[in-house]
Amino acid sequence: MTSNNFSTSNRPAASASIPTAWAGCQVHCGANDECNLVEGLDDAIYHGDTEALSCSMLKPLLTSPAHFRLARQNLLGHSTQAKDFGSLVHLLLLQPHLTAHAIAVYPGVADGRDADYKAFAAQNANKLVVDEPTLQRAMGLVERLKARRYKGRALSAFLDESLKEVSLYVREPVTGLRLRARPDIYHPDFIFDLKTTRQSTLDGFCKDAVGFHYDMQAYMYLYVRAVFEGSTVPKPFVFVAVESEEPHSIFTASAGGSFLENGSAKFQRCLALYRSCSDQDYWPDCSEDGELEIEPWQQFNK
């Protein structure tokens, strides 16, 4: 472990209990033998786990069980330029040792219509493809993020005291379901989560955060950490949000009581739906009958 402050996560797991997929990783036990913290787990292995439920897996249940099932089969989701830029910033800040293998830099300016660029992207289909100006912009933003102050200290100081991209696995005590979470920055006193956002204000980010179910993510991450550590008092969850377009405003915002309460309601709803649908092997979609009415503000003015 990189910090002596992680008192419950410094007990090595018994080798017989370590899944094959975790081979080569540092695995530590938490409050009990079913609570594990895994260092060095490959992103593809973590995200490819269909047994332990993550927040990303559960979110589609808020639309319908059928959407959950499709997402679980990797039939939903796609890459966008904004997501790719967020992934780039994430790698440069939290996993710089992986950038040489995970990123392919196109010399010059990328143009999706250009044959050379298309060929370069095809040759690096398993990597994050970015052009030189985008890489330079992301590198400059990462330096600004490191210098950003929170509670009077630079974010880089918190990073130095933290574990980055560790994977937590626990057995949910009420339902018996296996849960997992992967905090960006696992600090002794906080969980920090890095987000890129289209919004240029904190109020705008808050609206998006509820719509994208970041409230459920914050609650679930704190809950999984509390179960892992055997704690009844959750640590603060802090978003570090950066505007994806220039001038790249940076916000630090802790998850407040009403935000976490809303996330808890979503989380409990998802677990209940998952148990019910799994027991019956029935995964309905959003199909329904109804009648269309409009609000007064929607009426056409003659």
C-alpha atoms as a PDB file:
ATOM      1  CA  MET A   1       0.000   0.000   0.000  1.00  0.00           C
ATOM      2  CA  THR A   2       1.153   3.522  -0.653  1.00  0.00           C
ATOM      3  CA  SER A   3      -0.069   5.019   2.611  1.00  0.00           C
ATOM      4  CA  ASN A   4       0.038   3.847   6.214  1.00  0.00           C
ATOM      5  CA  ASN A   5      -3.305   5.587   6.801  1.00  0.00           C
ATOM      6  CA  PHE A   6      -5.317   2.782   5.167  1.00  0.00           C
ATOM      7  CA  SER A   7      -5.633   0.753   8.337  1.00  0.00           C
ATOM      8  CA  THR A   8      -8.217  -1.808   7.165  1.00  0.00           C
ATOM      9  CA  SER A   9      -6.680  -2.504   3.763  1.00  0.00           C
ATOM     10  CA  ASN A  10      -3.187  -3.655   4.648  1.00  0.00           C
ATOM     11  CA  ARG A  11      -3.975  -7.311   5.355  1.00  0.00           C
ATOM     12  CA  PRO A  12      -3.060  -9.463   2.337  1.00  0.00           C
ATOM     13  CA  ALA A  13      -5.784 -11.759   1.043  1.00  0.00           C
ATOM     14  CA  ALA A  14      -5.188 -15.490   1.233  1.00  0.00           C
ATOM     15  CA  SER A  15      -3.882 -16.684  -2.118  1.00  0.00           C
ATOM     16  CA  ALA A  16      -6.495 -19.461  -2.297  1.00  0.00           C
ATOM     17  CA  SER A  17      -9.286 -16.861  -2.240  1.00  0.00           C
ATOM     18  CA  ILE A  18      -7.910 -14.673  -5.047  1.00  0.00           C
ATOM     19  CA  PRO A  19      -9.759 -15.001  -8.386  1.00  0.00           C
ATOM     20  CA  THR A  20      -7.646 -15.954 -11.380  1.00  0.00           C
ATOM     21  CA  ALA A  21      -8.426 -12.589 -13.014  1.00  0.00           C
ATOM     22  CA  TRP A  22      -6.641 -10.834 -10.133  1.00  0.00           C
ATOM     23  CA  ALA A  23      -3.382 -12.722 -10.642  1.00  0.00           C
ATOM     24  CA  GLY A  24      -0.414 -10.380 -10.420  1.00  0.00           C
ATOM     25  CA  CYS A  25      -2.372  -7.727  -8.507  1.00  0.00           C
ATOM     26  CA  GLN A  26      -1.944  -6.699  -4.888  1.00  0.00           C
ATOM     27  CA  VAL A  27      -5.071  -7.878  -3.079  1.00  0.00           C
ATOM     28  CA  HIS A  28      -5.914  -6.731   0.444  1.00  0.00           C
ATOM     29  CA  CYS A  29      -8.691  -7.763   2.827  1.00  0.00           C
ATOM     30  CA  GLY A  30     -10.932  -5.263   4.554  1.00  0.00           C
ATOM     31  CA  ALA A  31     -13.475  -5.752   7.324  1.00  0.00           C
ATOM     32  CA  ASN A  32     -13.879  -9.428   6.394  1.00  0.00           C
ATOM     33  CA  ASP A  33     -12.554 -11.915   3.851  1.00  0.00           C
ATOM     34  CA  GLU A  34     -15.261 -10.983   1.318  1.00  0.00           C
ATOM     35  CA  CYS A  35     -14.128  -7.354   1.298  1.00  0.00           C
ATOM     36  CA  ASN A  36     -11.174  -6.795  -1.007  1.00  0.00           C
ATOM     37  CA  LEU A  37      -9.149  -3.880  -2.300  1.00  0.00           C
ATOM     38  CA  VAL A  38      -7.303  -4.720  -5.519  1.00  0.00           C
ATOM     39  CA  GLU A  39      -4.369  -2.657  -6.772  1.00  0.00           C
ATOM     40  CA  GLY A  40      -3.203  -2.893 -10.366  1.00  0.00           C
ATOM     41  CA  LEU A  41      -6.329  -4.501 -11.827  1.00  0.00           C
ATOM     42  CA  ASP A  42      -6.542  -3.882 -15.569  1.00  0.00           C
ATOM     43  CA  ASP A  43      -9.411  -1.612 -16.660  1.00  0.00           C
ATOM     44  CA  ALA A  44     -10.687  -4.173 -19.163  1.00  0.00           C
ATOM     45  CA  ILE A  45     -10.864  -6.892 -16.506  1.00  0.00           C
ATOM     46  CA  TYR A  46     -12.632  -4.622 -14.033  1.00  0.00           C
ATOM     47  CA  HIS A  47     -15.202  -3.344 -16.521  1.00  0.00           C
ATOM     48  CA  GLY A  48     -15.643  -6.794 -18.040  1.00  0.00           C
ATOM     49  CA  ASP A  49     -16.813  -8.272 -14.730  1.00  0.00           C
ATOM     50  CA  THR A  50     -20.506  -9.158 -15.148  1.00  0.00           C
ATOM     51  CA  GLU A  51     -20.924 -10.825 -11.758  1.00  0.00           C
ATOM     52  CA  ALA A  52     -20.127  -8.077  -9.253  1.00  0.00           C
ATOM     53  CA  LEU A  53     -22.475  -5.130  -9.754  1.00  0.00           C
ATOM     54  CA  SER A  54     -20.981  -1.688 -10.392  1.00  0.00           C
ATOM     55  CA  CYS A  55     -22.711   1.679 -10.536  1.00  0.00           C
ATOM     56  CA  SER A  56     -22.294   1.809 -14.325  1.00  0.00           C
ATOM     57  CA  MET A  57     -23.977  -1.589 -14.585  1.00  0.00           C
ATOM     58  CA  LEU A  58     -26.872  -0.586 -12.334  1.00  0.00           C
ATOM     59  CA  LYS A  59     -27.673   2.793 -13.908  1.00  0.00           C
ATOM     60  CA  PRO A  60     -29.618   1.365 -16.893  1.00  0.00           C
ATOM     61  CA  LEU A  61     -32.048  -0.233 -14.425  1.00  0.00           C
ATOM     62  CA  LEU A  62     -33.311   3.287 -13.765  1.00  0.00           C
ATOM     63  CA  THR A  63     -34.592   3.221 -17.353  1.00  0.00           C
ATOM     64  CA  SER A  64     -35.767  -0.390 -17.457  1.00  0.00           C
ATOM     65  CA  PRO A  65     -34.571  -3.929 -16.715  1.00  0.00           C
ATOM     66  CA  ALA A  66     -34.358  -4.562 -20.466  1.00  0.00           C
ATOM     67  CA  HIS A  67     -31.939  -1.644 -20.828  1.00  0.00           C
ATOM     68  CA  PHE A  68     -29.873  -3.134 -18.008  1.00  0.00           C
ATOM     69  CA  ARG A  69     -29.737  -6.496 -19.732  1.00  0.00           C
ATOM     70  CA  LEU A  70     -28.650  -4.952 -23.044  1.00  0.00           C
ATOM     71  CA  ALA A  71     -25.954  -2.891 -21.346  1.00  0.00           C
ATOM     72  CA  ARG A  72     -24.728  -6.005 -19.550  1.00  0.00           C
ATOM     73  CA  GLN A  73     -24.324  -7.664 -22.944  1.00  0.00           C
ATOM     74  CA  ASN A  74     -22.290  -4.644 -24.136  1.00  0.00           C
ATOM     75  CA  LEU A  75     -24.893  -3.716 -26.729  1.00  0.00           C
ATOM     76  CA  LEU A  76     -25.331  -0.143 -25.520  1.00  0.00           C
ATOM     77  CA  GLY A  77     -22.882   2.746 -25.262  1.00  0.00           C
ATOM     78  CA  HIS A  78     -20.503   4.484 -27.636  1.00  0.00           C
ATOM     79  CA  SER A  79     -17.457   6.684 -27.706  1.00  0.00           C
ATOM     80  CA  THR A  80     -17.715  10.445 -28.231  1.00  0.00           C
ATOM     81  CA  GLN A  81     -15.149  13.197 -28.598  1.00  0.00           C
ATOM     82  CA  ALA A  82     -16.076  14.571 -25.160  1.00  0.00           C
ATOM     83  CA  LYS A  83     -15.745  11.134 -23.537  1.00  0.00           C
ATOM     84  CA  ASP A  84     -12.401  10.560 -25.235  1.00  0.00           C
ATOM     85  CA  PHE A  85     -11.067  13.888 -23.950  1.00  0.00           C
ATOM     86  CA  GLY A  86     -12.247  12.998 -20.449  1.00  0.00           C
ATOM     87  CA  SER A  87     -10.515   9.617 -20.698  1.00  0.00           C
ATOM     88  CA  LEU A  88      -7.320  11.326 -21.842  1.00  0.00           C
ATOM     89  CA  VAL A  89      -7.303  13.760 -18.896  1.00  0.00           C
ATOM     90  CA  HIS A  90      -8.112  10.889 -16.563  1.00  0.00           C
ATOM     91  CA  LEU A  91      -5.151   8.825 -17.809  1.00  0.00           C
ATOM     92  CA  LEU A  92      -2.663  11.685 -17.724  1.00  0.00           C
ATOM     93  CA  LEU A  93      -3.619  12.678 -14.179  1.00  0.00           C
ATOM     94  CA  LEU A  94      -4.259   9.332 -12.496  1.00  0.00           C
ATOM     95  CA  GLN A  95      -2.427   6.697 -14.541  1.00  0.00           C
ATOM     96  CA  PRO A  96       0.436   8.437 -16.366  1.00  0.00           C
ATOM     97  CA  HIS A  97       2.442   5.194 -16.343  1.00  0.00           C
ATOM     98  CA  LEU A  98      -0.116   3.680 -18.743  1.00  0.00           C
ATOM     99  CA  THR A  99      -0.183   6.441 -21.334  1.00  0.00           C
ATOM    100  CA  ALA A 100       2.539   4.974 -23.571  1.00  0.00           C
ATOM    101  CA  HIS A 101       0.501   1.807 -24.041  1.00  0.00           C
ATOM    102  CA  ALA A 102      -3.012   3.252 -23.919  1.00  0.00           C
ATOM    103  CA  ILE A 103      -2.720   6.352 -26.143  1.00  0.00           C
ATOM    104  CA  ALA A 104      -1.816   6.744 -29.808  1.00  0.00           C
ATOM    105  CA  VAL A 105      -0.915  10.313 -30.797  1.00  0.00           C
ATOM    106  CA  TYR A 106      -1.655  11.329 -34.370  1.00  0.00           C
ATOM    107  CA  PRO A 107       0.959  13.762 -35.705  1.00  0.00           C
ATOM    108  CA  GLY A 108      -0.788  16.963 -36.673  1.00  0.00           C
ATOM    109  CA  VAL A 109      -4.487  17.783 -36.535  1.00  0.00           C
ATOM    110  CA  ALA A 110      -7.035  14.961 -36.731  1.00  0.00           C
ATOM    111  CA  ASP A 111      -9.601  15.093 -39.525  1.00  0.00           C
ATOM    112  CA  GLY A 112     -12.117  12.263 -39.669  1.00  0.00           C
ATOM    113  CA  ARG A 113     -12.373  12.708 -43.440  1.00  0.00           C
ATOM    114  CA  ASP A 114      -8.625  12.389 -44.012  1.00  0.00           C
ATOM    115  CA  ALA A 115      -7.422   9.016 -45.332  1.00  0.00           C
ATOM    116  CA  ASP A 116      -4.147   9.146 -43.374  1.00  0.00           C
ATOM    117  CA  TYR A 117      -5.975   9.794 -40.125  1.00  0.00           C
ATOM    118  CA  LYS A 118      -8.486   7.010 -40.819  1.00  0.00           C
ATOM    119  CA  ALA A 119      -5.617   4.596 -41.452  1.00  0.00           C
ATOM    120  CA  PHE A 120      -3.835   5.696 -38.256  1.00  0.00           C
ATOM    121  CA  ALA A 121      -7.023   5.242 -36.214  1.00  0.00           C
ATOM    122  CA  ALA A 122      -7.599   1.791 -37.716  1.00  0.00           C
ATOM    123  CA  GLN A 123      -4.028   0.723 -36.887  1.00  0.00           C
ATOM    124  CA  ASN A 124      -4.569   1.807 -33.281  1.00  0.00           C
ATOM    125  CA  ALA A 125      -8.116   0.596 -32.819  1.00  0.00           C
ATOM    126  CA  ASN A 126      -7.368  -0.737 -29.332  1.00  0.00           C
ATOM    127  CA  LYS A 127      -5.937   2.567 -28.121  1.00  0.00           C
ATOM    128  CA  LEU A 128      -7.265   6.019 -27.372  1.00  0.00           C
ATOM    129  CA  VAL A 129      -6.412   7.991 -30.525  1.00  0.00           C
ATOM    130  CA  VAL A 130      -5.779  11.724 -30.062  1.00  0.00           C
ATOM    131  CA  ASP A 131      -4.019  14.328 -32.133  1.00  0.00           C
ATOM    132  CA  GLU A 132      -1.103  16.480 -30.978  1.00  0.00           C
ATOM    133  CA  PRO A 133      -3.093  19.673 -30.211  1.00  0.00           C
ATOM    134  CA  THR A 134      -5.576  17.702 -28.108  1.00  0.00           C
ATOM    135  CA  LEU A 135      -2.760  16.030 -26.176  1.00  0.00           C
ATOM    136  CA  GLN A 136      -1.089  19.371 -25.489  1.00  0.00           C
ATOM    137  CA  ARG A 137      -4.380  20.867 -24.313  1.00  0.00           C
ATOM    138  CA  ALA A 138      -4.995  17.913 -21.995  1.00  0.00           C
ATOM    139  CA  MET A 139      -1.460  18.052 -20.569  1.00  0.00           C
ATOM    140  CA  GLY A 140      -1.870  21.737 -19.762  1.00  0.00           C
ATOM    141  CA  LEU A 141      -5.206  21.036 -18.099  1.00  0.00           C
ATOM    142  CA  VAL A 142      -3.687  18.286 -15.967  1.00  0.00           C
ATOM    143  CA  GLU A 143      -1.092  20.721 -14.623  1.00  0.00           C
ATOM    144  CA  ARG A 144      -3.891  23.148 -13.731  1.00  0.00           C
ATOM    145  CA  LEU A 145      -5.756  20.339 -11.978  1.00  0.00           C
ATOM    146  CA  LYS A 146      -2.701  19.413  -9.920  1.00  0.00           C
ATOM    147  CA  ALA A 147      -2.344  23.029  -8.822  1.00  0.00           C
ATOM    148  CA  ARG A 148      -6.050  23.432  -8.020  1.00  0.00           C
ATOM    149  CA  ARG A 149      -6.477  24.031  -4.289  1.00  0.00           C
ATOM    150  CA  TYR A 150      -8.986  22.234  -2.084  1.00  0.00           C
ATOM    151  CA  LYS A 151      -9.228  23.040   1.614  1.00  0.00           C
ATOM    152  CA  GLY A 152      -6.075  25.121   1.290  1.00  0.00           C
ATOM    153  CA  ARG A 153      -3.952  22.376  -0.317  1.00  0.00           C
ATOM    154  CA  ALA A 154      -3.039  21.613  -3.908  1.00  0.00           C
ATOM    155  CA  LEU A 155      -4.802  18.607  -5.402  1.00  0.00           C
ATOM    156  CA  SER A 156      -1.360  17.151  -6.132  1.00  0.00           C
ATOM    157  CA  ALA A 157      -0.796  16.829  -2.367  1.00  0.00           C
ATOM    158  CA  PHE A 158      -3.953  14.751  -2.018  1.00  0.00           C
ATOM    159  CA  LEU A 159      -2.881  12.658  -5.003  1.00  0.00           C
ATOM    160  CA  ASP A 160       0.452  11.914  -3.353  1.00  0.00           C
ATOM    161  CA  GLU A 161      -1.374  10.612  -0.271  1.00  0.00           C
ATOM    162  CA  SER A 162      -3.870   8.499  -2.204  1.00  0.00           C
ATOM    163  CA  LEU A 163      -4.366   5.244  -4.031  1.00  0.00           C
ATOM    164  CA  LYS A 164      -5.470   5.781  -7.611  1.00  0.00           C
ATOM    165  CA  GLU A 165      -7.830   3.559  -9.589  1.00  0.00           C
ATOM    166  CA  VAL A 166      -8.072   0.802  -7.002  1.00  0.00           C
ATOM    167  CA  SER A 167     -10.956  -1.662  -7.185  1.00  0.00           C
ATOM    168  CA  LEU A 168     -13.156  -2.396  -4.165  1.00  0.00           C
ATOM    169  CA  TYR A 169     -15.220  -5.587  -3.918  1.00  0.00           C
ATOM    170  CA  VAL A 170     -17.696  -6.278  -1.108  1.00  0.00           C
ATOM    171  CA  ARG A 171     -20.665  -8.499  -0.263  1.00  0.00           C
ATOM    172  CA  GLU A 172     -23.708  -6.304   0.320  1.00  0.00           C
ATOM    173  CA  PRO A 173     -24.873  -7.351   3.802  1.00  0.00           C
ATOM    174  CA  VAL A 174     -28.648  -7.072   3.247  1.00  0.00           C
ATOM    175  CA  THR A 175     -29.116  -8.579  -0.222  1.00  0.00           C
ATOM    176  CA  GLY A 176     -25.988 -10.727  -0.361  1.00  0.00           C
ATOM    177  CA  LEU A 177     -25.173  -9.258  -3.778  1.00  0.00           C
ATOM    178  CA  ARG A 178     -21.552  -8.794  -4.800  1.00  0.00           C
ATOM    179  CA  LEU A 179     -20.774  -5.096  -5.423  1.00  0.00           C
ATOM    180  CA  ARG A 180     -17.736  -3.315  -6.815  1.00  0.00           C
ATOM    181  CA  ALA A 181     -16.519   0.268  -7.091  1.00  0.00           C
ATOM    182  CA  ARG A 182     -13.423   1.896  -8.553  1.00  0.00           C
ATOM    183  CA  PRO A 183     -12.726   5.271  -6.941  1.00  0.00           C
ATOM    184  CA  ASP A 184     -10.545   7.603  -8.989  1.00  0.00           C
ATOM    185  CA  ILE A 185      -8.729   8.861  -5.901  1.00  0.00           C
ATOM    186  CA  TYR A 186      -8.955   6.828  -2.689  1.00  0.00           C
ATOM    187  CA  HIS A 187      -7.629   9.159  -0.006  1.00  0.00           C
ATOM    188  CA  PRO A 188      -7.581   8.315   3.722  1.00  0.00           C
ATOM    189  CA  ASP A 189     -10.096  11.092   4.382  1.00  0.00           C
ATOM    190  CA  PHE A 190     -11.955  11.511   1.077  1.00  0.00           C
ATOM    191  CA  ILE A 191     -13.022   9.964  -2.181  1.00  0.00           C
ATOM    192  CA  PHE A 192     -12.259  12.279  -5.105  1.00  0.00           C
ATOM    193  CA  ASP A 193     -13.927  11.696  -8.470  1.00  0.00           C
ATOM    194  CA  LEU A 194     -12.676  13.372 -11.632  1.00  0.00           C
ATOM    195  CA  LYS A 195     -15.320  14.445 -14.159  1.00  0.00           C
ATOM    196  CA  THR A 196     -15.219  16.382 -17.394  1.00  0.00           C
ATOM    197  CA  THR A 197     -18.368  18.372 -18.043  1.00  0.00           C
ATOM    198  CA  ARG A 198     -20.002  20.356 -20.837  1.00  0.00           C
ATOM    199  CA  GLN A 199     -21.117  22.862 -18.210  1.00  0.00           C
ATOM    200  CA  SER A 200     -19.301  26.102 -17.444  1.00  0.00           C
ATOM    201  CA  THR A 201     -20.920  26.703 -14.036  1.00  0.00           C
ATOM    202  CA  LEU A 202     -21.262  24.696 -10.847  1.00  0.00           C
ATOM    203  CA  ASP A 203     -25.069  24.964 -10.993  1.00  0.00           C
ATOM    204  CA  GLY A 204     -25.019  23.551 -14.499  1.00  0.00           C
ATOM    205  CA  PHE A 205     -22.805  20.680 -13.407  1.00  0.00           C
ATOM    206  CA  CYS A 206     -25.152  19.893 -10.502  1.00  0.00           C
ATOM    207  CA  LYS A 207     -28.104  19.551 -12.897  1.00  0.00           C
ATOM    208  CA  ASP A 208     -26.122  17.232 -15.142  1.00  0.00           C
ATOM    209  CA  ALA A 209     -24.877  15.276 -12.129  1.00  0.00           C
ATOM    210  CA  VAL A 210     -28.413  14.303 -11.151  1.00  0.00           C
ATOM    211  CA  GLY A 211     -29.340  13.503 -14.765  1.00  0.00           C
ATOM    212  CA  PHE A 212     -26.247  11.312 -15.225  1.00  0.00           C
ATOM    213  CA  HIS A 213     -26.893   9.659 -11.822  1.00  0.00           C
ATOM    214  CA  TYR A 214     -23.657  10.838 -10.264  1.00  0.00           C
ATOM    215  CA  ASP A 215     -25.681  11.046  -7.037  1.00  0.00           C
ATOM    216  CA  MET A 216     -26.101   7.270  -7.099  1.00  0.00           C
ATOM    217  CA  GLN A 217     -22.416   6.848  -7.912  1.00  0.00           C
ATOM    218  CA  ALA A 218     -21.384   9.010  -4.955  1.00  0.00           C
ATOM    219  CA  TYR A 219     -23.672   7.139  -2.560  1.00  0.00           C
ATOM    220  CA  MET A 220     -22.663   3.696  -3.830  1.00  0.00           C
ATOM    221  CA  TYR A 221     -18.927   4.445  -3.698  1.00  0.00           C
ATOM    222  CA  LEU A 222     -19.209   5.708  -0.127  1.00  0.00           C
ATOM    223  CA  TYR A 223     -21.350   2.714   0.823  1.00  0.00           C
ATOM    224  CA  VAL A 224     -18.964   0.186  -0.717  1.00  0.00           C
ATOM    225  CA  ARG A 225     -16.008   1.876   0.985  1.00  0.00           C
ATOM    226  CA  ALA A 226     -17.827   1.870   4.337  1.00  0.00           C
ATOM    227  CA  VAL A 227     -18.613  -1.855   3.995  1.00  0.00           C
ATOM    228  CA  PHE A 228     -15.014  -2.555   3.003  1.00  0.00           C
ATOM    229  CA  GLU A 229     -13.605  -0.625   5.949  1.00  0.00           C
ATOM    230  CA  GLY A 230     -16.261  -1.800   8.420  1.00  0.00           C
ATOM    231  CA  SER A 231     -17.154   1.820   9.094  1.00  0.00           C
ATOM    232  CA  THR A 232     -20.518   3.364   9.994  1.00  0.00           C
ATOM    233  CA  VAL A 233     -19.420   6.907   9.141  1.00  0.00           C
ATOM    234  CA  PRO A 234     -18.900   7.509   5.406  1.00  0.00           C
ATOM    235  CA  LYS A 235     -16.035   9.648   4.149  1.00  0.00           C
ATOM    236  CA  PRO A 236     -16.802  12.809   2.137  1.00  0.00           C
ATOM    237  CA  PHE A 237     -17.196  12.359  -1.624  1.00  0.00           C
ATOM    238  CA  VAL A 238     -15.717  15.231  -3.647  1.00  0.00           C
ATOM    239  CA  PHE A 239     -16.220  15.850  -7.356  1.00  0.00           C
ATOM    240  CA  VAL A 240     -13.381  17.511  -9.236  1.00  0.00           C
ATOM    241  CA  ALA A 241     -15.171  18.657 -12.376  1.00  0.00           C
ATOM    242  CA  VAL A 242     -13.475  20.364 -15.293  1.00  0.00           C
ATOM    243  CA  GLU A 243     -15.141  22.050 -18.238  1.00  0.00           C
ATOM    244  CA  SER A 244     -14.299  20.036 -21.354  1.00  0.00           C
ATOM    245  CA  GLU A 245     -14.033  23.090 -23.602  1.00  0.00           C
ATOM    246  CA  GLU A 246     -11.850  26.136 -23.095  1.00  0.00           C
ATOM    247  CA  PRO A 247     -11.406  28.007 -20.809  1.00  0.00           C
ATOM    248  CA  HIS A 248     -11.660  24.742 -18.805  1.00  0.00           C
ATOM    249  CA  SER A 249     -13.238  26.030 -15.588  1.00  0.00           C
ATOM    250  CA  ILE A 250     -12.558  23.715 -12.628  1.00  0.00           C
ATOM    251  CA  PHE A 251     -15.044  23.020  -9.830  1.00  0.00           C
ATOM    252  CA  THR A 252     -14.575  21.155  -6.563  1.00  0.00           C
ATOM    253  CA  ALA A 253     -17.881  20.145  -5.019  1.00  0.00           C
ATOM    254  CA  SER A 254     -18.652  17.769  -2.166  1.00  0.00           C
ATOM    255  CA  ALA A 255     -21.749  15.586  -2.327  1.00  0.00           C
ATOM    256  CA  GLY A 256     -24.269  17.108   0.081  1.00  0.00           C
ATOM    257  CA  GLY A 257     -26.957  15.433   2.169  1.00  0.00           C
ATOM    258  CA  SER A 258     -29.875  15.800  -0.257  1.00  0.00           C
ATOM    259  CA  PHE A 259     -27.646  14.740  -3.159  1.00  0.00           C
ATOM    260  CA  LEU A 260     -26.595  11.537  -1.367  1.00  0.00           C
ATOM    261  CA  GLU A 261     -30.132  10.853  -0.154  1.00  0.00           C
ATOM    262  CA  ASN A 262     -31.349  11.002  -3.753  1.00  0.00           C
ATOM    263  CA  GLY A 263     -28.521   8.688  -4.779  1.00  0.00           C
ATOM    264  CA  SER A 264     -29.424   6.266  -1.998  1.00  0.00           C
ATOM    265  CA  ALA A 265     -33.030   6.067  -3.234  1.00  0.00           C
ATOM    266  CA  LYS A 266     -31.814   5.255  -6.748  1.00  0.00           C
ATOM    267  CA  PHE A 267     -29.344   2.674  -5.440  1.00  0.00           C
ATOM    268  CA  GLN A 268     -31.944   0.879  -3.318  1.00  0.00           C
ATOM    269  CA  ARG A 269     -34.381   0.885  -6.251  1.00  0.00           C
ATOM    270  CA  CYS A 270     -31.764  -0.675  -8.525  1.00  0.00           C
ATOM    271  CA  LEU A 271     -30.869  -3.433  -6.064  1.00  0.00           C
ATOM    272  CA  ALA A 272     -34.538  -4.288  -5.495  1.00  0.00           C
ATOM    273  CA  LEU A 273     -35.234  -4.389  -9.245  1.00  0.00           C
ATOM    274  CA  TYR A 274     -32.179  -6.516  -9.904  1.00  0.00           C
ATOM    275  CA  ARG A 275     -33.134  -9.065  -7.240  1.00  0.00           C
ATOM    276  CA  SER A 276     -36.734  -9.237  -8.454  1.00  0.00           C
ATOM    277  CA  CYS A 277     -35.874  -9.568 -12.149  1.00  0.00           C
ATOM    278  CA  SER A 278     -33.112 -12.095 -11.451  1.00  0.00           C
ATOM    279  CA  ASP A 279     -35.407 -14.261  -9.320  1.00  0.00           C
ATOM    280  CA  GLN A 280     -38.072 -14.326 -12.034  1.00  0.00           C
ATOM    281  CA  ASP A 281     -35.705 -14.147 -15.015  1.00  0.00           C
ATOM    282  CA  TYR A 282     -37.980 -11.425 -16.382  1.00  0.00           C
ATOM    283  CA  TRP A 283     -36.473  -8.215 -17.743  1.00  0.00           C
ATOM    284  CA  PRO A 284     -39.272  -5.916 -19.013  1.00  0.00           C
ATOM    285  CA  ASP A 285     -38.734  -2.823 -21.145  1.00  0.00           C
ATOM    286  CA  CYS A 286     -40.582   0.525 -21.014  1.00  0.00           C
ATOM    287  CA  SER A 287     -43.557  -0.552 -23.140  1.00  0.00           C
ATOM    288  CA  GLU A 288     -46.892   0.780 -21.840  1.00  0.00           C
ATOM    289  CA  ASP A 289     -50.280   2.160 -22.861  1.00  0.00           C
ATOM    290  CA  GLY A 290     -51.340   5.698 -22.134  1.00  0.00           C
ATOM    291  CA  GLU A 291     -52.868   8.945 -23.330  1.00  0.00           C
ATOM    292  CA  LEU A 292     -50.955  11.983 -24.530  1.00  0.00           C
ATOM    293  CA  GLU A 293     -51.720  15.353 -22.964  1.00  0.00           C
ATOM    294  CA  ILE A 294     -49.737  18.571 -23.094  1.00  0.00           C
ATOM    295  CA  GLU A 295     -48.845  21.195 -20.532  1.00  0.00           C
ATOM    296  CA  PRO A 296     -50.193  24.754 -20.935  1.00  0.00           C
ATOM    297  CA  TRP A 297     -46.743  26.032 -21.902  1.00  0.00           C
ATOM    298  CA  GLN A 298     -46.653  23.542 -24.785  1.00  0.00           C
ATOM    299  CA  GLN A 299     -49.833  24.815 -26.425  1.00  0.00           C
ATOM    300  CA  PHE A 300     -49.559  26.325 -29.872  1.00  0.00           C
ATOM    301  CA  ASN A 301     -50.294  30.045 -29.975  1.00  0.00           C
ATOM    302  CA  LYS A 302     -52.486  30.943 -32.949  1.00  0.00           C
END
